[in-house]
Amino acid sequence: MSRNVIHTDSAPAAIGAYSQAVAAGNTVYISGQLGLIPQSGELAEGFAAQCQQMFRNLRAICEAAGGDLQKIVKLTIFVTDLGNFAELNKIMGEHIAAPYPARAAMQVSALPKGGLVEADAIMVL
């Protein structure tokens, strides 16, 4: 099975030893995306703005791989405060329509660069 690295300048560059995404066959594994603004590498301001940017980053990577957010089958979301759970659901609904992917959402003590929300995904083309 072939393995192809996916990269787009429309999403933040990797901030560590990883690729934005890797396609293996018709499955694309998307690395964790923070609410980083690709042009500046800075975090958007506040939870809602970071969450919106995170979904824009995921979308850019999905599109670079030949898909879109609707082709995500598994989404894992990490937040530093589960008090933002309702807002997360609202914003996710603005970016992904039903039927929704399988999802896990969990609170973590910290995220890279001081982020408030991060998501990784699996997409099937």
PDB file of N, CA and C in Angstrom:
ATOM      1  N   MET A   1       0.857  -1.180   0.000  1.00  0.00           N
ATOM      2  CA  MET A   1       0.000   0.000   0.000  1.00  0.00           C
ATOM      3  C   MET A   1       0.896   1.234   0.000  1.00  0.00           C
ATOM      4  N   SER A   2       0.544   2.172  -0.838  1.00  0.00           N
ATOM      5  CA  SER A   2       1.336   3.399  -0.915  1.00  0.00           C
ATOM      6  C   SER A   2       1.024   4.321   0.257  1.00  0.00           C
ATOM      7  N   ARG A   3       1.999   5.131   0.583  1.00  0.00           N
ATOM      8  CA  ARG A   3       1.871   6.111   1.666  1.00  0.00           C
ATOM      9  C   ARG A   3       2.304   7.448   1.100  1.00  0.00           C
ATOM     10  N   ASN A   4       1.414   8.444   1.148  1.00  0.00           N
ATOM     11  CA  ASN A   4       1.704   9.760   0.594  1.00  0.00           C
ATOM     12  C   ASN A   4       1.534  10.826   1.661  1.00  0.00           C
ATOM     13  N   VAL A   5       2.514  11.700   1.771  1.00  0.00           N
ATOM     14  CA  VAL A   5       2.440  12.823   2.704  1.00  0.00           C
ATOM     15  C   VAL A   5       1.605  13.923   2.062  1.00  0.00           C
ATOM     16  N   ILE A   6       0.691  14.482   2.826  1.00  0.00           N
ATOM     17  CA  ILE A   6      -0.166  15.579   2.379  1.00  0.00           C
ATOM     18  C   ILE A   6       0.350  16.859   3.030  1.00  0.00           C
ATOM     19  N   HIS A   7       0.486  17.911   2.222  1.00  0.00           N
ATOM     20  CA  HIS A   7       0.908  19.211   2.753  1.00  0.00           C
ATOM     21  C   HIS A   7       0.196  20.312   1.979  1.00  0.00           C
ATOM     22  N   THR A   8      -0.213  21.337   2.716  1.00  0.00           N
ATOM     23  CA  THR A   8      -0.769  22.537   2.102  1.00  0.00           C
ATOM     24  C   THR A   8      -0.290  23.762   2.867  1.00  0.00           C
ATOM     25  N   ASP A   9      -0.015  24.832   2.137  1.00  0.00           N
ATOM     26  CA  ASP A   9       0.338  26.099   2.778  1.00  0.00           C
ATOM     27  C   ASP A   9      -0.888  26.799   3.352  1.00  0.00           C
ATOM     28  N   SER A  10      -2.093  26.268   3.079  1.00  0.00           N
ATOM     29  CA  SER A  10      -3.331  26.848   3.600  1.00  0.00           C
ATOM     30  C   SER A  10      -3.628  26.409   5.029  1.00  0.00           C
ATOM     31  N   ALA A  11      -2.762  25.570   5.575  1.00  0.00           N
ATOM     32  CA  ALA A  11      -2.862  25.157   6.979  1.00  0.00           C
ATOM     33  C   ALA A  11      -1.482  25.380   7.605  1.00  0.00           C
ATOM     34  N   PRO A  12      -1.422  25.484   8.931  1.00  0.00           N
ATOM     35  CA  PRO A  12      -0.137  25.735   9.571  1.00  0.00           C
ATOM     36  C   PRO A  12       0.876  24.629   9.285  1.00  0.00           C
ATOM     37  N   ALA A  13       2.116  25.012   9.140  1.00  0.00           N
ATOM     38  CA  ALA A  13       3.193  24.031   8.994  1.00  0.00           C
ATOM     39  C   ALA A  13       3.304  23.238  10.293  1.00  0.00           C
ATOM     40  N   ALA A  14       3.771  22.013  10.187  1.00  0.00           N
ATOM     41  CA  ALA A  14       3.967  21.184  11.372  1.00  0.00           C
ATOM     42  C   ALA A  14       4.942  21.880  12.322  1.00  0.00           C
ATOM     43  N   ILE A  15       4.654  21.798  13.619  1.00  0.00           N
ATOM     44  CA  ILE A  15       5.521  22.427  14.617  1.00  0.00           C
ATOM     45  C   ILE A  15       6.350  21.371  15.346  1.00  0.00           C
ATOM     46  N   GLY A  16       6.508  20.223  14.727  1.00  0.00           N
ATOM     47  CA  GLY A  16       7.283  19.137  15.303  1.00  0.00           C
ATOM     48  C   GLY A  16       7.642  18.131  14.231  1.00  0.00           C
ATOM     49  N   ALA A  17       8.004  16.959  14.652  1.00  0.00           N
ATOM     50  CA  ALA A  17       8.429  15.893  13.747  1.00  0.00           C
ATOM     51  C   ALA A  17       7.218  15.086  13.285  1.00  0.00           C
ATOM     52  N   TYR A  18       6.396  15.698  12.450  1.00  0.00           N
ATOM     53  CA  TYR A  18       5.216  15.032  11.909  1.00  0.00           C
ATOM     54  C   TYR A  18       4.790  15.716  10.626  1.00  0.00           C
ATOM     55  N   SER A  19       3.910  15.063   9.881  1.00  0.00           N
ATOM     56  CA  SER A  19       3.340  15.630   8.660  1.00  0.00           C
ATOM     57  C   SER A  19       1.950  16.149   8.961  1.00  0.00           C
ATOM     58  N   GLN A  20       1.467  17.101   8.161  1.00  0.00           N
ATOM     59  CA  GLN A  20       0.089  17.573   8.338  1.00  0.00           C
ATOM     60  C   GLN A  20      -0.885  16.412   8.209  1.00  0.00           C
ATOM     61  N   ALA A  21      -0.629  15.533   7.242  1.00  0.00           N
ATOM     62  CA  ALA A  21      -1.465  14.350   7.053  1.00  0.00           C
ATOM     63  C   ALA A  21      -0.697  13.330   6.240  1.00  0.00           C
ATOM     64  N   VAL A  22      -1.131  12.079   6.358  1.00  0.00           N
ATOM     65  CA  VAL A  22      -0.561  10.992   5.572  1.00  0.00           C
ATOM     66  C   VAL A  22      -1.718  10.187   5.011  1.00  0.00           C
ATOM     67  N   ALA A  23      -1.683   9.965   3.700  1.00  0.00           N
ATOM     68  CA  ALA A  23      -2.686   9.129   3.044  1.00  0.00           C
ATOM     69  C   ALA A  23      -2.103   7.736   2.863  1.00  0.00           C
ATOM     70  N   ALA A  24      -2.878   6.738   3.243  1.00  0.00           N
ATOM     71  CA  ALA A  24      -2.516   5.339   3.030  1.00  0.00           C
ATOM     72  C   ALA A  24      -3.712   4.702   2.339  1.00  0.00           C
ATOM     73  N   GLY A  25      -3.557   4.416   1.053  1.00  0.00           N
ATOM     74  CA  GLY A  25      -4.713   3.955   0.285  1.00  0.00           C
ATOM     75  C   GLY A  25      -5.731   5.071   0.214  1.00  0.00           C
ATOM     76  N   ASN A  26      -6.991   4.765   0.541  1.00  0.00           N
ATOM     77  CA  ASN A  26      -8.034   5.793   0.490  1.00  0.00           C
ATOM     78  C   ASN A  26      -8.336   6.390   1.866  1.00  0.00           C
ATOM     79  N   THR A  27      -7.450   6.136   2.833  1.00  0.00           N
ATOM     80  CA  THR A  27      -7.625   6.680   4.178  1.00  0.00           C
ATOM     81  C   THR A  27      -6.572   7.751   4.428  1.00  0.00           C
ATOM     82  N   VAL A  28      -7.017   8.876   4.978  1.00  0.00           N
ATOM     83  CA  VAL A  28      -6.123   9.995   5.267  1.00  0.00           C
ATOM     84  C   VAL A  28      -6.130  10.228   6.778  1.00  0.00           C
ATOM     85  N   TYR A  29      -4.955  10.209   7.363  1.00  0.00           N
ATOM     86  CA  TYR A  29      -4.773  10.432   8.796  1.00  0.00           C
ATOM     87  C   TYR A  29      -4.263  11.857   8.978  1.00  0.00           C
ATOM     88  N   ILE A  30      -5.078  12.696   9.587  1.00  0.00           N
ATOM     89  CA  ILE A  30      -4.770  14.120   9.726  1.00  0.00           C
ATOM     90  C   ILE A  30      -4.244  14.383  11.139  1.00  0.00           C
ATOM     91  N   SER A  31      -3.053  14.960  11.205  1.00  0.00           N
ATOM     92  CA  SER A  31      -2.443  15.279  12.493  1.00  0.00           C
ATOM     93  C   SER A  31      -3.237  16.355  13.221  1.00  0.00           C
ATOM     94  N   GLY A  32      -3.003  16.443  14.517  1.00  0.00           N
ATOM     95  CA  GLY A  32      -3.686  17.430  15.344  1.00  0.00           C
ATOM     96  C   GLY A  32      -3.510  18.844  14.815  1.00  0.00           C
ATOM     97  N   GLN A  33      -4.632  19.548  14.748  1.00  0.00           N
ATOM     98  CA  GLN A  33      -4.638  20.925  14.282  1.00  0.00           C
ATOM     99  C   GLN A  33      -5.113  21.838  15.403  1.00  0.00           C
ATOM    100  N   LEU A  34      -4.301  22.831  15.691  1.00  0.00           N
ATOM    101  CA  LEU A  34      -4.654  23.875  16.650  1.00  0.00           C
ATOM    102  C   LEU A  34      -5.350  25.008  15.908  1.00  0.00           C
ATOM    103  N   GLY A  35      -5.732  26.025  16.634  1.00  0.00           N
ATOM    104  CA  GLY A  35      -6.311  27.214  16.031  1.00  0.00           C
ATOM    105  C   GLY A  35      -5.249  28.197  15.584  1.00  0.00           C
ATOM    106  N   LEU A  36      -4.211  27.684  14.930  1.00  0.00           N
ATOM    107  CA  LEU A  36      -3.124  28.542  14.443  1.00  0.00           C
ATOM    108  C   LEU A  36      -3.483  29.155  13.098  1.00  0.00           C
ATOM    109  N   ILE A  37      -3.188  30.419  12.950  1.00  0.00           N
ATOM    110  CA  ILE A  37      -3.395  31.121  11.679  1.00  0.00           C
ATOM    111  C   ILE A  37      -2.201  30.786  10.785  1.00  0.00           C
ATOM    112  N   PRO A  38      -2.438  30.160   9.625  1.00  0.00           N
ATOM    113  CA  PRO A  38      -1.322  29.696   8.794  1.00  0.00           C
ATOM    114  C   PRO A  38      -0.319  30.786   8.412  1.00  0.00           C
ATOM    115  N   GLN A  39      -0.796  31.970   8.107  1.00  0.00           N
ATOM    116  CA  GLN A  39       0.089  33.034   7.630  1.00  0.00           C
ATOM    117  C   GLN A  39       1.044  33.540   8.709  1.00  0.00           C
ATOM    118  N   SER A  40       0.588  33.564   9.947  1.00  0.00           N
ATOM    119  CA  SER A  40       1.408  34.124  11.025  1.00  0.00           C
ATOM    120  C   SER A  40       1.990  33.071  11.967  1.00  0.00           C
ATOM    121  N   GLY A  41       1.359  31.905  12.023  1.00  0.00           N
ATOM    122  CA  GLY A  41       1.780  30.890  12.976  1.00  0.00           C
ATOM    123  C   GLY A  41       1.339  31.187  14.398  1.00  0.00           C
ATOM    124  N   GLU A  42       0.517  32.221  14.547  1.00  0.00           N
ATOM    125  CA  GLU A  42       0.020  32.609  15.871  1.00  0.00           C
ATOM    126  C   GLU A  42      -1.364  32.014  16.108  1.00  0.00           C
ATOM    127  N   LEU A  43      -1.686  31.802  17.386  1.00  0.00           N
ATOM    128  CA  LEU A  43      -3.018  31.323  17.742  1.00  0.00           C
ATOM    129  C   LEU A  43      -4.045  32.431  17.562  1.00  0.00           C
ATOM    130  N   ALA A  44      -5.225  32.059  17.094  1.00  0.00           N
ATOM    131  CA  ALA A  44      -6.344  32.998  17.075  1.00  0.00           C
ATOM    132  C   ALA A  44      -6.669  33.344  18.529  1.00  0.00           C
ATOM    133  N   GLU A  45      -7.365  34.443  18.742  1.00  0.00           N
ATOM    134  CA  GLU A  45      -7.633  34.951  20.090  1.00  0.00           C
ATOM    135  C   GLU A  45      -8.919  34.360  20.656  1.00  0.00           C
ATOM    136  N   GLY A  46      -8.823  33.571  21.727  1.00  0.00           N
ATOM    137  CA  GLY A  46      -9.986  33.041  22.424  1.00  0.00           C
ATOM    138  C   GLY A  46     -10.455  31.699  21.880  1.00  0.00           C
ATOM    139  N   PHE A  47     -11.287  31.021  22.682  1.00  0.00           N
ATOM    140  CA  PHE A  47     -11.723  29.674  22.335  1.00  0.00           C
ATOM    141  C   PHE A  47     -12.488  29.622  21.021  1.00  0.00           C
ATOM    142  N   ALA A  48     -13.493  30.457  20.852  1.00  0.00           N
ATOM    143  CA  ALA A  48     -14.323  30.394  19.641  1.00  0.00           C
ATOM    144  C   ALA A  48     -13.489  30.639  18.390  1.00  0.00           C
ATOM    145  N   ALA A  49     -12.622  31.628  18.425  1.00  0.00           N
ATOM    146  CA  ALA A  49     -11.796  31.937  17.254  1.00  0.00           C
ATOM    147  C   ALA A  49     -10.811  30.803  16.974  1.00  0.00           C
ATOM    148  N   GLN A  50     -10.239  30.204  18.017  1.00  0.00           N
ATOM    149  CA  GLN A  50      -9.336  29.077  17.808  1.00  0.00           C
ATOM    150  C   GLN A  50     -10.082  27.876  17.243  1.00  0.00           C
ATOM    151  N   CYS A  51     -11.277  27.649  17.726  1.00  0.00           N
ATOM    152  CA  CYS A  51     -12.088  26.533  17.247  1.00  0.00           C
ATOM    153  C   CYS A  51     -12.445  26.727  15.766  1.00  0.00           C
ATOM    154  N   GLN A  52     -12.872  27.922  15.398  1.00  0.00           N
ATOM    155  CA  GLN A  52     -13.178  28.223  13.985  1.00  0.00           C
ATOM    156  C   GLN A  52     -11.944  27.999  13.118  1.00  0.00           C
ATOM    157  N   GLN A  53     -10.793  28.488  13.566  1.00  0.00           N
ATOM    158  CA  GLN A  53      -9.554  28.351  12.794  1.00  0.00           C
ATOM    159  C   GLN A  53      -9.126  26.895  12.700  1.00  0.00           C
ATOM    160  N   MET A  54      -9.310  26.149  13.770  1.00  0.00           N
ATOM    161  CA  MET A  54      -8.980  24.727  13.759  1.00  0.00           C
ATOM    162  C   MET A  54      -9.763  24.005  12.664  1.00  0.00           C
ATOM    163  N   PHE A  55     -11.064  24.286  12.554  1.00  0.00           N
ATOM    164  CA  PHE A  55     -11.866  23.656  11.512  1.00  0.00           C
ATOM    165  C   PHE A  55     -11.460  24.142  10.121  1.00  0.00           C
ATOM    166  N   ARG A  56     -11.066  25.411   9.989  1.00  0.00           N
ATOM    167  CA  ARG A  56     -10.560  25.889   8.688  1.00  0.00           C
ATOM    168  C   ARG A  56      -9.268  25.150   8.319  1.00  0.00           C
ATOM    169  N   ASN A  57      -8.407  24.917   9.300  1.00  0.00           N
ATOM    170  CA  ASN A  57      -7.165  24.193   9.049  1.00  0.00           C
ATOM    171  C   ASN A  57      -7.453  22.750   8.643  1.00  0.00           C
ATOM    172  N   LEU A  58      -8.370  22.100   9.360  1.00  0.00           N
ATOM    173  CA  LEU A  58      -8.749  20.736   8.984  1.00  0.00           C
ATOM    174  C   LEU A  58      -9.302  20.706   7.562  1.00  0.00           C
ATOM    175  N   ARG A  59     -10.166  21.673   7.233  1.00  0.00           N
ATOM    176  CA  ARG A  59     -10.750  21.733   5.889  1.00  0.00           C
ATOM    177  C   ARG A  59      -9.662  21.861   4.818  1.00  0.00           C
ATOM    178  N   ALA A  60      -8.687  22.730   5.052  1.00  0.00           N
ATOM    179  CA  ALA A  60      -7.617  22.935   4.074  1.00  0.00           C
ATOM    180  C   ALA A  60      -6.841  21.646   3.829  1.00  0.00           C
ATOM    181  N   ILE A  61      -6.581  20.900   4.882  1.00  0.00           N
ATOM    182  CA  ILE A  61      -5.845  19.642   4.729  1.00  0.00           C
ATOM    183  C   ILE A  61      -6.714  18.599   4.029  1.00  0.00           C
ATOM    184  N   CYS A  62      -7.988  18.521   4.420  1.00  0.00           N
ATOM    185  CA  CYS A  62      -8.903  17.600   3.727  1.00  0.00           C
ATOM    186  C   CYS A  62      -8.929  17.893   2.230  1.00  0.00           C
ATOM    187  N   GLU A  63      -9.044  19.165   1.874  1.00  0.00           N
ATOM    188  CA  GLU A  63      -9.102  19.542   0.460  1.00  0.00           C
ATOM    189  C   GLU A  63      -7.788  19.242  -0.250  1.00  0.00           C
ATOM    190  N   ALA A  64      -6.668  19.440   0.424  1.00  0.00           N
ATOM    191  CA  ALA A  64      -5.369  19.130  -0.189  1.00  0.00           C
ATOM    192  C   ALA A  64      -5.243  17.637  -0.474  1.00  0.00           C
ATOM    193  N   ALA A  65      -5.943  16.828   0.304  1.00  0.00           N
ATOM    194  CA  ALA A  65      -5.913  15.379   0.120  1.00  0.00           C
ATOM    195  C   ALA A  65      -6.984  14.899  -0.858  1.00  0.00           C
ATOM    196  N   GLY A  66      -7.816  15.827  -1.363  1.00  0.00           N
ATOM    197  CA  GLY A  66      -8.860  15.457  -2.310  1.00  0.00           C
ATOM    198  C   GLY A  66     -10.211  15.178  -1.685  1.00  0.00           C
ATOM    199  N   GLY A  67     -10.406  15.623  -0.458  1.00  0.00           N
ATOM    200  CA  GLY A  67     -11.676  15.389   0.222  1.00  0.00           C
ATOM    201  C   GLY A  67     -12.260  16.667   0.781  1.00  0.00           C
ATOM    202  N   ASP A  68     -13.069  16.523   1.805  1.00  0.00           N
ATOM    203  CA  ASP A  68     -13.661  17.661   2.510  1.00  0.00           C
ATOM    204  C   ASP A  68     -14.046  17.204   3.909  1.00  0.00           C
ATOM    205  N   LEU A  69     -14.501  18.132   4.722  1.00  0.00           N
ATOM    206  CA  LEU A  69     -14.833  17.808   6.108  1.00  0.00           C
ATOM    207  C   LEU A  69     -15.900  16.729   6.215  1.00  0.00           C
ATOM    208  N   GLN A  70     -16.796  16.632   5.256  1.00  0.00           N
ATOM    209  CA  GLN A  70     -17.867  15.637   5.297  1.00  0.00           C
ATOM    210  C   GLN A  70     -17.342  14.221   5.118  1.00  0.00           C
ATOM    211  N   LYS A  71     -16.120  14.074   4.665  1.00  0.00           N
ATOM    212  CA  LYS A  71     -15.541  12.739   4.473  1.00  0.00           C
ATOM    213  C   LYS A  71     -14.782  12.248   5.712  1.00  0.00           C
ATOM    214  N   ILE A  72     -14.740  13.083   6.755  1.00  0.00           N
ATOM    215  CA  ILE A  72     -14.122  12.657   8.014  1.00  0.00           C
ATOM    216  C   ILE A  72     -15.011  11.595   8.652  1.00  0.00           C
ATOM    217  N   VAL A  73     -14.388  10.463   9.039  1.00  0.00           N
ATOM    218  CA  VAL A  73     -15.145   9.392   9.690  1.00  0.00           C
ATOM    219  C   VAL A  73     -14.879   9.331  11.189  1.00  0.00           C
ATOM    220  N   LYS A  74     -13.750   9.888  11.633  1.00  0.00           N
ATOM    221  CA  LYS A  74     -13.414   9.898  13.058  1.00  0.00           C
ATOM    222  C   LYS A  74     -12.724  11.203  13.400  1.00  0.00           C
ATOM    223  N   LEU A  75     -13.202  11.856  14.429  1.00  0.00           N
ATOM    224  CA  LEU A  75     -12.683  13.145  14.865  1.00  0.00           C
ATOM    225  C   LEU A  75     -12.408  13.046  16.364  1.00  0.00           C
ATOM    226  N   THR A  76     -11.216  13.426  16.762  1.00  0.00           N
ATOM    227  CA  THR A  76     -10.878  13.472  18.183  1.00  0.00           C
ATOM    228  C   THR A  76     -10.535  14.910  18.524  1.00  0.00           C
ATOM    229  N   ILE A  77     -11.221  15.443  19.525  1.00  0.00           N
ATOM    230  CA  ILE A  77     -11.051  16.854  19.894  1.00  0.00           C
ATOM    231  C   ILE A  77     -10.571  16.933  21.338  1.00  0.00           C
ATOM    232  N   PHE A  78      -9.554  17.750  21.536  1.00  0.00           N
ATOM    233  CA  PHE A  78      -8.981  17.981  22.856  1.00  0.00           C
ATOM    234  C   PHE A  78      -9.230  19.437  23.233  1.00  0.00           C
ATOM    235  N   VAL A  79      -9.748  19.670  24.416  1.00  0.00           N
ATOM    236  CA  VAL A  79      -9.969  21.029  24.910  1.00  0.00           C
ATOM    237  C   VAL A  79      -9.324  21.157  26.288  1.00  0.00           C
ATOM    238  N   THR A  80      -8.933  22.365  26.622  1.00  0.00           N
ATOM    239  CA  THR A  80      -8.353  22.576  27.946  1.00  0.00           C
ATOM    240  C   THR A  80      -9.421  22.907  28.978  1.00  0.00           C
ATOM    241  N   ASP A  81     -10.662  23.101  28.529  1.00  0.00           N
ATOM    242  CA  ASP A  81     -11.763  23.407  29.447  1.00  0.00           C
ATOM    243  C   ASP A  81     -13.062  22.855  28.870  1.00  0.00           C
ATOM    244  N   LEU A  82     -13.588  21.786  29.491  1.00  0.00           N
ATOM    245  CA  LEU A  82     -14.848  21.205  29.014  1.00  0.00           C
ATOM    246  C   LEU A  82     -16.025  22.163  29.215  1.00  0.00           C
ATOM    247  N   GLY A  83     -15.803  23.262  29.897  1.00  0.00           N
ATOM    248  CA  GLY A  83     -16.832  24.290  29.992  1.00  0.00           C
ATOM    249  C   GLY A  83     -17.155  24.879  28.623  1.00  0.00           C
ATOM    250  N   ASN A  84     -16.275  24.673  27.649  1.00  0.00           N
ATOM    251  CA  ASN A  84     -16.493  25.154  26.277  1.00  0.00           C
ATOM    252  C   ASN A  84     -17.171  24.115  25.389  1.00  0.00           C
ATOM    253  N   PHE A  85     -17.642  23.003  25.971  1.00  0.00           N
ATOM    254  CA  PHE A  85     -18.195  21.901  25.196  1.00  0.00           C
ATOM    255  C   PHE A  85     -19.393  22.327  24.336  1.00  0.00           C
ATOM    256  N   ALA A  86     -20.324  23.098  24.890  1.00  0.00           N
ATOM    257  CA  ALA A  86     -21.501  23.532  24.124  1.00  0.00           C
ATOM    258  C   ALA A  86     -21.075  24.403  22.942  1.00  0.00           C
ATOM    259  N   GLU A  87     -20.134  25.301  23.161  1.00  0.00           N
ATOM    260  CA  GLU A  87     -19.644  26.154  22.069  1.00  0.00           C
ATOM    261  C   GLU A  87     -18.938  25.321  21.006  1.00  0.00           C
ATOM    262  N   LEU A  88     -18.163  24.338  21.426  1.00  0.00           N
ATOM    263  CA  LEU A  88     -17.505  23.430  20.491  1.00  0.00           C
ATOM    264  C   LEU A  88     -18.544  22.744  19.601  1.00  0.00           C
ATOM    265  N   ASN A  89     -19.601  22.215  20.193  1.00  0.00           N
ATOM    266  CA  ASN A  89     -20.644  21.546  19.409  1.00  0.00           C
ATOM    267  C   ASN A  89     -21.300  22.501  18.419  1.00  0.00           C
ATOM    268  N   LYS A  90     -21.567  23.712  18.854  1.00  0.00           N
ATOM    269  CA  LYS A  90     -22.185  24.713  17.972  1.00  0.00           C
ATOM    270  C   LYS A  90     -21.271  25.013  16.788  1.00  0.00           C
ATOM    271  N   ILE A  91     -20.016  25.263  17.054  1.00  0.00           N
ATOM    272  CA  ILE A  91     -19.070  25.598  15.983  1.00  0.00           C
ATOM    273  C   ILE A  91     -18.850  24.400  15.065  1.00  0.00           C
ATOM    274  N   MET A  92     -18.760  23.202  15.623  1.00  0.00           N
ATOM    275  CA  MET A  92     -18.607  22.016  14.780  1.00  0.00           C
ATOM    276  C   MET A  92     -19.783  21.897  13.824  1.00  0.00           C
ATOM    277  N   GLY A  93     -20.994  22.186  14.310  1.00  0.00           N
ATOM    278  CA  GLY A  93     -22.199  22.130  13.471  1.00  0.00           C
ATOM    279  C   GLY A  93     -22.183  23.148  12.337  1.00  0.00           C
ATOM    280  N   GLU A  94     -21.394  24.210  12.479  1.00  0.00           N
ATOM    281  CA  GLU A  94     -21.256  25.199  11.403  1.00  0.00           C
ATOM    282  C   GLU A  94     -20.333  24.695  10.296  1.00  0.00           C
ATOM    283  N   HIS A  95     -19.491  23.715  10.616  1.00  0.00           N
ATOM    284  CA  HIS A  95     -18.484  23.242   9.663  1.00  0.00           C
ATOM    285  C   HIS A  95     -18.769  21.842   9.118  1.00  0.00           C
ATOM    286  N   ILE A  96     -19.445  21.022   9.908  1.00  0.00           N
ATOM    287  CA  ILE A  96     -19.724  19.643   9.501  1.00  0.00           C
ATOM    288  C   ILE A  96     -21.216  19.392   9.690  1.00  0.00           C
ATOM    289  N   ALA A  97     -21.859  18.908   8.635  1.00  0.00           N
ATOM    290  CA  ALA A  97     -23.291  18.618   8.679  1.00  0.00           C
ATOM    291  C   ALA A  97     -23.520  17.145   9.009  1.00  0.00           C
ATOM    292  N   ALA A  98     -24.719  16.843   9.491  1.00  0.00           N
ATOM    293  CA  ALA A  98     -25.110  15.455   9.736  1.00  0.00           C
ATOM    294  C   ALA A  98     -25.157  14.722   8.393  1.00  0.00           C
ATOM    295  N   PRO A  99     -24.830  13.468   8.352  1.00  0.00           N
ATOM    296  CA  PRO A  99     -24.453  12.618   9.485  1.00  0.00           C
ATOM    297  C   PRO A  99     -23.030  12.929   9.939  1.00  0.00           C
ATOM    298  N   TYR A 100     -22.881  13.080  11.237  1.00  0.00           N
ATOM    299  CA  TYR A 100     -21.607  13.477  11.818  1.00  0.00           C
ATOM    300  C   TYR A 100     -20.646  12.290  11.902  1.00  0.00           C
ATOM    301  N   PRO A 101     -19.338  12.577  11.961  1.00  0.00           N
ATOM    302  CA  PRO A 101     -18.372  11.492  12.144  1.00  0.00           C
ATOM    303  C   PRO A 101     -18.425  10.961  13.574  1.00  0.00           C
ATOM    304  N   ALA A 102     -17.850   9.794  13.786  1.00  0.00           N
ATOM    305  CA  ALA A 102     -17.620   9.334  15.152  1.00  0.00           C
ATOM    306  C   ALA A 102     -16.694  10.364  15.801  1.00  0.00           C
ATOM    307  N   ARG A 103     -16.868  10.581  17.113  1.00  0.00           N
ATOM    308  CA  ARG A 103     -16.083  11.638  17.743  1.00  0.00           C
ATOM    309  C   ARG A 103     -15.826  11.333  19.202  1.00  0.00           C
ATOM    310  N   ALA A 104     -14.679  11.762  19.659  1.00  0.00           N
ATOM    311  CA  ALA A 104     -14.371  11.794  21.083  1.00  0.00           C
ATOM    312  C   ALA A 104     -13.952  13.218  21.395  1.00  0.00           C
ATOM    313  N   ALA A 105     -14.358  13.707  22.544  1.00  0.00           N
ATOM    314  CA  ALA A 105     -13.943  15.040  22.998  1.00  0.00           C
ATOM    315  C   ALA A 105     -13.515  14.897  24.450  1.00  0.00           C
ATOM    316  N   MET A 106     -12.331  15.389  24.750  1.00  0.00           N
ATOM    317  CA  MET A 106     -11.831  15.232  26.110  1.00  0.00           C
ATOM    318  C   MET A 106     -11.071  16.456  26.570  1.00  0.00           C
ATOM    319  N   GLN A 107     -11.069  16.642  27.881  1.00  0.00           N
ATOM    320  CA  GLN A 107     -10.302  17.734  28.477  1.00  0.00           C
ATOM    321  C   GLN A 107      -8.885  17.256  28.748  1.00  0.00           C
ATOM    322  N   VAL A 108      -7.937  18.107  28.421  1.00  0.00           N
ATOM    323  CA  VAL A 108      -6.519  17.837  28.684  1.00  0.00           C
ATOM    324  C   VAL A 108      -5.946  18.998  29.486  1.00  0.00           C
ATOM    325  N   SER A 109      -4.840  18.765  30.133  1.00  0.00           N
ATOM    326  CA  SER A 109      -4.283  19.818  30.989  1.00  0.00           C
ATOM    327  C   SER A 109      -3.616  20.931  30.194  1.00  0.00           C
ATOM    328  N   ALA A 110      -3.080  20.610  29.019  1.00  0.00           N
ATOM    329  CA  ALA A 110      -2.417  21.637  28.207  1.00  0.00           C
ATOM    330  C   ALA A 110      -2.300  21.149  26.771  1.00  0.00           C
ATOM    331  N   LEU A 111      -2.180  22.106  25.857  1.00  0.00           N
ATOM    332  CA  LEU A 111      -1.981  21.835  24.438  1.00  0.00           C
ATOM    333  C   LEU A 111      -0.765  22.620  23.960  1.00  0.00           C
ATOM    334  N   PRO A 112      -0.149  22.191  22.862  1.00  0.00           N
ATOM    335  CA  PRO A 112       1.019  22.924  22.347  1.00  0.00           C
ATOM    336  C   PRO A 112       0.720  24.401  22.123  1.00  0.00           C
ATOM    337  N   LYS A 113       1.740  25.206  22.334  1.00  0.00           N
ATOM    338  CA  LYS A 113       1.685  26.663  22.106  1.00  0.00           C
ATOM    339  C   LYS A 113       0.629  27.370  22.950  1.00  0.00           C
ATOM    340  N   GLY A 114       0.099  26.695  23.969  1.00  0.00           N
ATOM    341  CA  GLY A 114      -0.927  27.302  24.806  1.00  0.00           C
ATOM    342  C   GLY A 114      -2.303  27.285  24.172  1.00  0.00           C
ATOM    343  N   GLY A 115      -2.496  26.423  23.182  1.00  0.00           N
ATOM    344  CA  GLY A 115      -3.793  26.323  22.498  1.00  0.00           C
ATOM    345  C   GLY A 115      -4.908  25.913  23.458  1.00  0.00           C
ATOM    346  N   LEU A 116      -6.127  26.260  23.068  1.00  0.00           N
ATOM    347  CA  LEU A 116      -7.313  25.930  23.865  1.00  0.00           C
ATOM    348  C   LEU A 116      -8.080  24.753  23.303  1.00  0.00           C
ATOM    349  N   VAL A 117      -7.841  24.422  22.021  1.00  0.00           N
ATOM    350  CA  VAL A 117      -8.561  23.335  21.358  1.00  0.00           C
ATOM    351  C   VAL A 117      -7.683  22.773  20.249  1.00  0.00           C
ATOM    352  N   GLU A 118      -7.739  21.467  20.047  1.00  0.00           N
ATOM    353  CA  GLU A 118      -6.989  20.791  18.995  1.00  0.00           C
ATOM    354  C   GLU A 118      -7.801  19.600  18.532  1.00  0.00           C
ATOM    355  N   ALA A 119      -7.713  19.254  17.267  1.00  0.00           N
ATOM    356  CA  ALA A 119      -8.416  18.084  16.746  1.00  0.00           C
ATOM    357  C   ALA A 119      -7.543  17.353  15.751  1.00  0.00           C
ATOM    358  N   ASP A 120      -7.635  16.034  15.778  1.00  0.00           N
ATOM    359  CA  ASP A 120      -7.073  15.221  14.715  1.00  0.00           C
ATOM    360  C   ASP A 120      -8.222  14.447  14.087  1.00  0.00           C
ATOM    361  N   ALA A 121      -7.980  13.883  12.907  1.00  0.00           N
ATOM    362  CA  ALA A 121      -9.096  13.265  12.191  1.00  0.00           C
ATOM    363  C   ALA A 121      -8.610  12.133  11.295  1.00  0.00           C
ATOM    364  N   ILE A 122      -9.557  11.268  10.970  1.00  0.00           N
ATOM    365  CA  ILE A 122      -9.357  10.245   9.955  1.00  0.00           C
ATOM    366  C   ILE A 122     -10.425  10.478   8.898  1.00  0.00           C
ATOM    367  N   MET A 123      -9.977  10.559   7.654  1.00  0.00           N
ATOM    368  CA  MET A 123     -10.882  10.812   6.525  1.00  0.00           C
ATOM    369  C   MET A 123     -10.761   9.654   5.541  1.00  0.00           C
ATOM    370  N   VAL A 124     -11.884   9.232   4.998  1.00  0.00           N
ATOM    371  CA  VAL A 124     -11.893   8.200   3.966  1.00  0.00           C
ATOM    372  C   VAL A 124     -12.404   8.832   2.675  1.00  0.00           C
ATOM    373  N   LEU A 125     -11.614   8.675   1.631  1.00  0.00           N
ATOM    374  CA  LEU A 125     -11.968   9.252   0.320  1.00  0.00           C
ATOM    375  C   LEU A 125     -12.847   8.297  -0.465  1.00  0.00           C
TER     376      LEU A 125
END
